[in-house]
Amino acid sequence: MGAAALAYNERRELPRDEVHYRTRATDAGGRSVGLLIVNLSAQGLMARTPRDHAVGERMTVTLPVVGSVIAEVRWSLGGRIGCELTRPIDLADYYGLLAAMVAGE
């Protein structure tokens, strides 16, 4: 992991919850991208993806309970991306989102 990723990691305000959730995202070019979200907070996520994504790239990610969210790539390394959500998820909705992900919705 590069220094930029470590610096970003240290600035996190909320801890991440471990999940294993497959979903789809749409990149800025309108292409559909498969994601495996491996951790999540109300402000961001880390996912595995089949292709590289540029830092600063925005994508629309489909999530249960909250619908579509816009995520900005903060780091990308070896098929993994770390994203910050452009708008944090309300905590009440976030807990419902986690419950739905665990249930496999």
N, C-alpha and C. Protein backbone atom coordinates (compact mmCIF):
# COMPACT_ATOMS: atom_id res chain seq x y z
N MET A 1 0.86 -1.17 0.00
CA MET A 1 0.00 0.00 0.00
C MET A 1 0.90 1.22 0.00
N GLY A 2 0.61 2.19 -0.86
CA GLY A 2 1.43 3.38 -0.98
C GLY A 2 1.22 4.35 0.16
N ALA A 3 2.10 5.33 0.25
CA ALA A 3 2.03 6.33 1.32
C ALA A 3 0.73 7.11 1.26
N ALA A 4 0.23 7.42 0.06
CA ALA A 4 -1.03 8.16 -0.06
C ALA A 4 -2.18 7.37 0.54
N ALA A 5 -2.21 6.07 0.30
CA ALA A 5 -3.27 5.24 0.86
C ALA A 5 -3.17 5.18 2.37
N LEU A 6 -1.98 5.08 2.89
CA LEU A 6 -1.79 5.06 4.34
C LEU A 6 -2.22 6.38 4.96
N ALA A 7 -1.86 7.49 4.32
CA ALA A 7 -2.23 8.80 4.85
C ALA A 7 -3.75 8.94 4.87
N TYR A 8 -4.40 8.48 3.81
CA TYR A 8 -5.87 8.55 3.76
C TYR A 8 -6.47 7.67 4.84
N ASN A 9 -5.95 6.47 4.99
CA ASN A 9 -6.43 5.52 5.98
C ASN A 9 -6.40 6.12 7.38
N GLU A 10 -5.37 6.86 7.69
CA GLU A 10 -5.21 7.43 9.03
C GLU A 10 -6.19 8.55 9.30
N ARG A 11 -6.79 9.14 8.25
CA ARG A 11 -7.71 10.25 8.43
C ARG A 11 -9.16 9.81 8.59
N ARG A 12 -9.43 8.54 8.55
CA ARG A 12 -10.80 8.07 8.67
C ARG A 12 -11.41 8.50 9.98
N GLU A 13 -12.64 9.00 9.90
CA GLU A 13 -13.34 9.42 11.11
C GLU A 13 -14.13 8.29 11.74
N LEU A 14 -14.61 7.36 10.91
CA LEU A 14 -15.42 6.25 11.41
C LEU A 14 -14.74 4.93 11.09
N PRO A 15 -14.82 3.97 12.01
CA PRO A 15 -14.27 2.64 11.70
C PRO A 15 -15.12 1.98 10.62
N ARG A 16 -14.53 1.05 9.91
CA ARG A 16 -15.23 0.33 8.86
C ARG A 16 -15.78 -0.99 9.41
N ASP A 17 -16.93 -1.39 8.89
CA ASP A 17 -17.53 -2.68 9.22
C ASP A 17 -17.20 -3.65 8.09
N GLU A 18 -16.77 -4.85 8.46
CA GLU A 18 -16.43 -5.88 7.48
C GLU A 18 -17.71 -6.44 6.88
N VAL A 19 -17.77 -6.49 5.57
CA VAL A 19 -18.92 -7.07 4.86
C VAL A 19 -18.38 -7.88 3.69
N HIS A 20 -19.25 -8.58 3.01
CA HIS A 20 -18.92 -9.32 1.79
C HIS A 20 -20.17 -9.21 0.93
N TYR A 21 -20.24 -8.13 0.13
CA TYR A 21 -21.47 -7.82 -0.59
C TYR A 21 -21.17 -7.51 -2.05
N ARG A 22 -21.79 -8.29 -2.93
CA ARG A 22 -21.63 -8.06 -4.38
C ARG A 22 -22.69 -7.09 -4.87
N THR A 23 -22.24 -6.11 -5.67
CA THR A 23 -23.16 -5.14 -6.23
C THR A 23 -22.61 -4.63 -7.55
N ARG A 24 -23.30 -3.67 -8.14
CA ARG A 24 -22.89 -3.06 -9.40
C ARG A 24 -22.71 -1.57 -9.17
N ALA A 25 -21.83 -1.02 -9.98
CA ALA A 25 -21.63 0.43 -9.99
C ALA A 25 -21.63 0.87 -11.45
N THR A 26 -21.86 2.15 -11.66
CA THR A 26 -21.78 2.74 -12.99
C THR A 26 -20.69 3.80 -12.94
N ASP A 27 -19.71 3.70 -13.85
CA ASP A 27 -18.63 4.68 -13.84
C ASP A 27 -19.05 5.93 -14.62
N ALA A 28 -18.18 6.93 -14.64
CA ALA A 28 -18.49 8.20 -15.29
C ALA A 28 -18.78 8.03 -16.78
N GLY A 29 -18.25 7.01 -17.40
CA GLY A 29 -18.50 6.74 -18.81
C GLY A 29 -19.77 5.95 -19.06
N GLY A 30 -20.52 5.63 -18.00
CA GLY A 30 -21.77 4.90 -18.14
C GLY A 30 -21.60 3.39 -18.19
N ARG A 31 -20.37 2.90 -17.98
CA ARG A 31 -20.12 1.46 -18.00
C ARG A 31 -20.47 0.84 -16.65
N SER A 32 -21.06 -0.35 -16.71
CA SER A 32 -21.39 -1.09 -15.51
C SER A 32 -20.16 -1.83 -15.02
N VAL A 33 -19.92 -1.79 -13.72
CA VAL A 33 -18.75 -2.41 -13.12
C VAL A 33 -19.21 -3.26 -11.93
N GLY A 34 -18.72 -4.50 -11.85
CA GLY A 34 -19.02 -5.34 -10.70
C GLY A 34 -18.11 -4.97 -9.53
N LEU A 35 -18.67 -4.93 -8.34
CA LEU A 35 -17.90 -4.65 -7.13
C LEU A 35 -18.19 -5.71 -6.07
N LEU A 36 -17.18 -6.04 -5.30
CA LEU A 36 -17.35 -6.83 -4.09
C LEU A 36 -16.94 -5.91 -2.95
N ILE A 37 -17.92 -5.38 -2.23
CA ILE A 37 -17.62 -4.48 -1.11
C ILE A 37 -17.15 -5.34 0.05
N VAL A 38 -15.95 -5.02 0.57
CA VAL A 38 -15.38 -5.81 1.66
C VAL A 38 -15.39 -5.09 3.00
N ASN A 39 -15.45 -3.76 2.97
CA ASN A 39 -15.69 -3.04 4.22
C ASN A 39 -16.38 -1.73 3.90
N LEU A 40 -17.04 -1.18 4.92
CA LEU A 40 -17.95 -0.07 4.70
C LEU A 40 -18.07 0.76 5.96
N SER A 41 -18.27 2.05 5.79
CA SER A 41 -18.68 2.93 6.88
C SER A 41 -19.73 3.87 6.29
N ALA A 42 -20.28 4.74 7.11
CA ALA A 42 -21.26 5.69 6.61
C ALA A 42 -20.63 6.71 5.67
N GLN A 43 -19.28 6.74 5.62
CA GLN A 43 -18.58 7.73 4.80
C GLN A 43 -17.76 7.15 3.66
N GLY A 44 -17.61 5.82 3.61
CA GLY A 44 -16.78 5.27 2.55
C GLY A 44 -16.83 3.76 2.49
N LEU A 45 -16.06 3.21 1.56
CA LEU A 45 -16.03 1.77 1.38
C LEU A 45 -14.73 1.34 0.71
N MET A 46 -14.42 0.06 0.87
CA MET A 46 -13.35 -0.56 0.11
C MET A 46 -13.98 -1.71 -0.65
N ALA A 47 -13.57 -1.86 -1.92
CA ALA A 47 -14.16 -2.91 -2.75
C ALA A 47 -13.09 -3.54 -3.63
N ARG A 48 -13.36 -4.76 -4.04
CA ARG A 48 -12.56 -5.44 -5.06
C ARG A 48 -13.29 -5.23 -6.37
N THR A 49 -12.50 -5.02 -7.42
CA THR A 49 -13.07 -4.74 -8.73
C THR A 49 -12.20 -5.36 -9.82
N PRO A 50 -12.79 -5.76 -10.94
CA PRO A 50 -12.01 -6.45 -11.97
C PRO A 50 -11.09 -5.55 -12.79
N ARG A 51 -11.20 -4.24 -12.64
CA ARG A 51 -10.33 -3.36 -13.42
C ARG A 51 -9.84 -2.20 -12.58
N ASP A 52 -8.80 -1.54 -13.06
CA ASP A 52 -8.25 -0.40 -12.35
C ASP A 52 -9.15 0.82 -12.48
N HIS A 53 -9.13 1.65 -11.47
CA HIS A 53 -9.89 2.90 -11.46
C HIS A 53 -8.94 4.02 -11.07
N ALA A 54 -9.09 5.15 -11.71
CA ALA A 54 -8.22 6.30 -11.44
C ALA A 54 -8.64 7.00 -10.16
N VAL A 55 -7.66 7.47 -9.40
CA VAL A 55 -7.94 8.29 -8.22
C VAL A 55 -8.71 9.51 -8.70
N GLY A 56 -9.78 9.84 -8.01
CA GLY A 56 -10.64 10.96 -8.38
C GLY A 56 -11.84 10.54 -9.20
N GLU A 57 -11.81 9.33 -9.77
CA GLU A 57 -12.95 8.84 -10.55
C GLU A 57 -14.17 8.71 -9.64
N ARG A 58 -15.33 9.09 -10.17
CA ARG A 58 -16.58 8.94 -9.42
C ARG A 58 -17.41 7.85 -10.04
N MET A 59 -18.08 7.10 -9.19
CA MET A 59 -18.97 6.06 -9.67
C MET A 59 -20.22 6.05 -8.82
N THR A 60 -21.30 5.61 -9.42
CA THR A 60 -22.57 5.48 -8.71
C THR A 60 -22.70 4.02 -8.30
N VAL A 61 -22.78 3.78 -6.99
CA VAL A 61 -22.82 2.44 -6.43
C VAL A 61 -24.23 2.15 -5.94
N THR A 62 -24.76 0.99 -6.29
CA THR A 62 -26.10 0.58 -5.85
C THR A 62 -25.99 -0.19 -4.55
N LEU A 63 -26.71 0.28 -3.53
CA LEU A 63 -26.71 -0.36 -2.21
C LEU A 63 -28.14 -0.63 -1.76
N PRO A 64 -28.34 -1.69 -0.96
CA PRO A 64 -29.68 -1.92 -0.42
C PRO A 64 -30.05 -0.80 0.56
N VAL A 65 -31.30 -0.62 0.79
CA VAL A 65 -31.87 0.36 1.73
C VAL A 65 -31.68 1.81 1.26
N VAL A 66 -30.46 2.22 0.96
CA VAL A 66 -30.20 3.62 0.63
C VAL A 66 -30.24 3.91 -0.86
N GLY A 67 -30.23 2.89 -1.70
CA GLY A 67 -30.27 3.11 -3.15
C GLY A 67 -28.89 3.44 -3.70
N SER A 68 -28.84 4.40 -4.59
CA SER A 68 -27.59 4.77 -5.25
C SER A 68 -26.84 5.83 -4.46
N VAL A 69 -25.53 5.63 -4.33
CA VAL A 69 -24.66 6.62 -3.70
C VAL A 69 -23.51 6.91 -4.65
N ILE A 70 -22.96 8.10 -4.55
CA ILE A 70 -21.82 8.46 -5.38
C ILE A 70 -20.56 8.29 -4.54
N ALA A 71 -19.62 7.52 -5.07
CA ALA A 71 -18.36 7.23 -4.38
C ALA A 71 -17.21 7.75 -5.24
N GLU A 72 -16.27 8.42 -4.60
CA GLU A 72 -15.09 8.93 -5.29
C GLU A 72 -13.89 8.08 -4.89
N VAL A 73 -13.18 7.58 -5.89
CA VAL A 73 -12.01 6.73 -5.65
C VAL A 73 -10.91 7.58 -5.03
N ARG A 74 -10.42 7.16 -3.87
CA ARG A 74 -9.32 7.85 -3.17
C ARG A 74 -8.00 7.12 -3.36
N TRP A 75 -8.07 5.80 -3.57
CA TRP A 75 -6.87 5.02 -3.89
C TRP A 75 -7.30 3.78 -4.66
N SER A 76 -6.38 3.26 -5.44
CA SER A 76 -6.62 2.08 -6.26
C SER A 76 -5.34 1.27 -6.31
N LEU A 77 -5.42 -0.01 -5.98
CA LEU A 77 -4.22 -0.83 -5.92
C LEU A 77 -4.58 -2.29 -6.13
N GLY A 78 -4.07 -2.89 -7.19
CA GLY A 78 -4.20 -4.33 -7.41
C GLY A 78 -5.61 -4.88 -7.36
N GLY A 79 -6.56 -4.21 -8.01
CA GLY A 79 -7.92 -4.71 -8.01
C GLY A 79 -8.73 -4.32 -6.79
N ARG A 80 -8.19 -3.45 -5.97
CA ARG A 80 -8.92 -2.94 -4.80
C ARG A 80 -9.02 -1.43 -4.91
N ILE A 81 -10.14 -0.88 -4.46
CA ILE A 81 -10.30 0.56 -4.43
C ILE A 81 -10.83 0.99 -3.07
N GLY A 82 -10.40 2.15 -2.64
CA GLY A 82 -10.93 2.79 -1.45
C GLY A 82 -11.67 4.03 -1.91
N CYS A 83 -12.91 4.16 -1.47
CA CYS A 83 -13.75 5.27 -1.92
C CYS A 83 -14.32 6.05 -0.75
N GLU A 84 -14.47 7.34 -0.97
CA GLU A 84 -15.17 8.21 -0.03
C GLU A 84 -16.51 8.55 -0.65
N LEU A 85 -17.57 8.46 0.13
CA LEU A 85 -18.89 8.82 -0.37
C LEU A 85 -19.00 10.33 -0.42
N THR A 86 -19.60 10.85 -1.47
CA THR A 86 -19.73 12.31 -1.60
C THR A 86 -20.71 12.87 -0.58
N ARG A 87 -21.60 11.99 -0.09
CA ARG A 87 -22.58 12.38 0.92
C ARG A 87 -22.67 11.24 1.92
N PRO A 88 -22.36 11.48 3.19
CA PRO A 88 -22.42 10.39 4.18
C PRO A 88 -23.83 9.81 4.28
N ILE A 89 -23.90 8.53 4.62
CA ILE A 89 -25.18 7.86 4.83
C ILE A 89 -25.65 8.17 6.24
N ASP A 90 -26.91 8.54 6.39
CA ASP A 90 -27.51 8.77 7.70
C ASP A 90 -27.33 7.51 8.54
N LEU A 91 -26.95 7.67 9.80
CA LEU A 91 -26.63 6.49 10.63
C LEU A 91 -27.78 5.52 10.79
N ALA A 92 -29.02 5.99 10.90
CA ALA A 92 -30.16 5.08 11.01
C ALA A 92 -30.26 4.23 9.73
N ASP A 93 -30.11 4.86 8.57
CA ASP A 93 -30.12 4.13 7.31
C ASP A 93 -28.92 3.21 7.20
N TYR A 94 -27.78 3.65 7.73
CA TYR A 94 -26.56 2.84 7.65
C TYR A 94 -26.75 1.50 8.38
N TYR A 95 -27.35 1.53 9.55
CA TYR A 95 -27.56 0.28 10.29
C TYR A 95 -28.54 -0.64 9.55
N GLY A 96 -29.54 -0.07 8.91
CA GLY A 96 -30.44 -0.86 8.07
C GLY A 96 -29.72 -1.45 6.88
N LEU A 97 -28.82 -0.66 6.29
CA LEU A 97 -27.99 -1.12 5.17
C LEU A 97 -27.13 -2.31 5.58
N LEU A 98 -26.47 -2.20 6.73
CA LEU A 98 -25.64 -3.32 7.21
C LEU A 98 -26.48 -4.58 7.41
N ALA A 99 -27.65 -4.42 8.01
CA ALA A 99 -28.53 -5.58 8.26
C ALA A 99 -28.93 -6.22 6.94
N ALA A 100 -29.25 -5.41 5.92
CA ALA A 100 -29.63 -5.94 4.61
C ALA A 100 -28.46 -6.65 3.94
N MET A 101 -27.25 -6.11 4.09
CA MET A 101 -26.09 -6.74 3.49
C MET A 101 -25.81 -8.10 4.12
N VAL A 102 -25.94 -8.18 5.41
CA VAL A 102 -25.72 -9.43 6.12
C VAL A 102 -26.78 -10.46 5.71
N ALA A 103 -28.01 -9.99 5.48
CA ALA A 103 -29.10 -10.88 5.08
C ALA A 103 -28.99 -11.28 3.62
N GLY A 104 -28.09 -10.61 2.89
CA GLY A 104 -27.86 -10.96 1.49
C GLY A 104 -28.86 -10.34 0.52
N GLU A 105 -29.49 -9.25 0.92
CA GLU A 105 -30.46 -8.59 0.04
C GLU A 105 -29.80 -7.85 -1.09
